[in-house]
Amino acid sequence: MIAGRLTMRAQVERNQATGTDGWNNPGEPDFQPVGDPLPCFVWSTSGREVVGDERSALIEDVRGLFALGADLQPEDELISVTNRSGDIIHFGRLKVEGPLQHKHTHREANLRRIG
């Protein structure tokens, strides 16, 4: 069962902005919390450093498991990932990238750290 694996909680925010500016571009984002924190399990499988001429960047592959009925959409952001007692496990915002993958017992998402 996947329910035993979902030991973390993620507070989700969704962009509620509507309309466009004078140039017909999307307006400023307005992220608002969506419901109660979702049961989840978030992990990082690998991290690597890319070094250029003047810069270096750390690239991390972050994934998340969510229940089949979880209210989660592409472009949503996880503002916090905590354990059941409320201790922060993953610091910083994580953005849901691309479509969620539907598995037999859960949904899986690619996450990108926003920094």
Protein backbone atom coordinates (compact mmCIF):
# COMPACT_ATOMS: atom_id res chain seq x y z
CA MET A 1 0.00 0.00 0.00
CA ILE A 2 1.21 3.48 -0.84
CA ALA A 3 -0.52 5.09 2.18
CA GLY A 4 2.19 3.81 4.52
CA ARG A 5 4.86 5.45 2.38
CA LEU A 6 3.30 8.96 2.40
CA THR A 7 4.97 10.05 5.65
CA MET A 8 5.46 13.73 4.72
CA ARG A 9 3.06 16.64 4.29
CA ALA A 10 3.26 19.30 1.55
CA GLN A 11 1.45 22.63 1.61
CA VAL A 12 0.47 23.43 -1.98
CA GLU A 13 -0.05 26.88 -3.51
CA ARG A 14 -1.68 27.53 -6.89
CA ASN A 15 -1.50 30.64 -9.07
CA GLN A 16 -4.90 32.36 -8.84
CA ALA A 17 -4.05 35.31 -11.12
CA THR A 18 -6.33 35.93 -14.07
CA GLY A 19 -6.26 38.44 -16.88
CA THR A 20 -3.44 40.06 -18.80
CA ASP A 21 -1.49 43.30 -18.76
CA GLY A 22 -1.53 46.03 -21.42
CA TRP A 23 0.74 43.97 -23.68
CA ASN A 24 -1.52 40.91 -23.40
CA ASN A 25 1.02 39.04 -21.25
CA PRO A 26 -0.11 37.08 -18.18
CA GLY A 27 -0.46 39.25 -15.08
CA GLU A 28 1.63 39.02 -11.93
CA PRO A 29 1.34 35.57 -10.31
CA ASP A 30 -0.82 35.37 -7.19
CA PHE A 31 -0.07 32.10 -5.38
CA GLN A 32 -2.65 31.11 -2.74
CA PRO A 33 -2.77 27.99 -0.50
CA VAL A 34 -4.89 25.09 -1.77
CA GLY A 35 -6.58 23.15 1.02
CA ASP A 36 -4.88 21.19 3.77
CA PRO A 37 -1.33 19.86 3.43
CA LEU A 38 -1.18 16.79 1.17
CA PRO A 39 0.28 13.46 2.30
CA CYS A 40 3.38 12.86 0.20
CA PHE A 41 6.91 11.51 0.07
CA VAL A 42 9.57 13.77 -1.51
CA TRP A 43 13.15 12.69 -2.21
CA SER A 44 16.22 13.67 -4.17
CA THR A 45 17.88 10.96 -6.23
CA SER A 46 21.01 12.76 -7.38
CA GLY A 47 22.83 16.03 -7.41
CA ARG A 48 25.61 17.16 -9.68
CA GLU A 49 27.55 20.35 -10.21
CA VAL A 50 27.87 21.96 -13.62
CA VAL A 51 30.80 24.33 -13.93
CA GLY A 52 31.03 26.95 -16.67
CA ASP A 53 33.56 29.68 -17.43
CA GLU A 54 32.20 32.15 -14.88
CA ARG A 55 29.47 30.24 -13.02
CA SER A 56 28.66 26.96 -11.43
CA ALA A 57 25.24 25.46 -10.74
CA LEU A 58 24.01 22.56 -8.67
CA ILE A 59 21.43 20.41 -10.46
CA GLU A 60 19.27 18.18 -8.29
CA ASP A 61 16.69 15.59 -9.37
CA VAL A 62 13.77 15.91 -6.94
CA ARG A 63 10.70 13.64 -7.15
CA GLY A 64 7.48 13.34 -5.17
CA LEU A 65 4.84 10.66 -4.55
CA PHE A 66 1.24 11.73 -3.93
CA ALA A 67 -2.06 9.90 -3.41
CA LEU A 68 -4.18 9.20 -6.50
CA GLY A 69 -6.85 11.71 -5.47
CA ALA A 70 -4.47 14.51 -4.44
CA ASP A 71 -5.41 18.00 -5.68
CA LEU A 72 -2.12 18.70 -7.46
CA GLN A 73 -1.60 20.19 -10.91
CA PRO A 74 1.37 21.11 -13.11
CA GLU A 75 2.77 24.55 -12.19
CA ASP A 76 1.62 24.23 -8.55
CA GLU A 77 4.26 25.00 -5.93
CA LEU A 78 5.02 23.19 -2.68
CA ILE A 79 5.87 25.89 -0.16
CA SER A 80 6.88 23.48 2.58
CA VAL A 81 7.48 19.77 3.02
CA THR A 82 7.30 18.62 6.63
CA ASN A 83 7.03 15.39 8.57
CA ARG A 84 3.80 14.54 10.37
CA SER A 85 4.82 16.50 13.48
CA GLY A 86 5.53 19.67 11.46
CA ASP A 87 9.34 19.63 11.29
CA ILE A 88 10.60 20.99 7.96
CA ILE A 89 12.27 18.31 5.83
CA HIS A 90 12.83 20.10 2.49
CA PHE A 91 13.65 23.82 2.63
CA GLY A 92 12.56 26.21 -0.10
CA ARG A 93 9.80 26.13 -2.68
CA LEU A 94 9.42 23.24 -5.11
CA LYS A 95 7.53 23.62 -8.40
CA VAL A 96 5.63 20.76 -10.05
CA GLU A 97 7.09 20.38 -13.54
CA GLY A 98 5.22 18.84 -16.43
CA PRO A 99 2.32 16.43 -16.20
CA LEU A 100 1.98 14.15 -13.20
CA GLN A 101 2.61 10.47 -13.90
CA HIS A 102 -0.26 8.17 -12.92
CA LYS A 103 0.92 4.88 -11.43
CA HIS A 104 -1.29 2.03 -10.18
CA THR A 105 -1.30 3.16 -6.55
CA HIS A 106 -0.16 6.80 -6.64
CA ARG A 107 0.80 9.85 -8.71
CA GLU A 108 4.43 10.85 -9.22
CA ALA A 109 5.75 14.32 -10.01
CA ASN A 110 9.01 15.90 -11.11
CA LEU A 111 9.82 18.81 -8.83
CA ARG A 112 12.17 21.75 -9.42
CA ARG A 113 13.68 23.78 -6.61
CA ILE A 114 12.90 27.49 -6.98
CA GLY A 115 15.72 29.68 -5.78
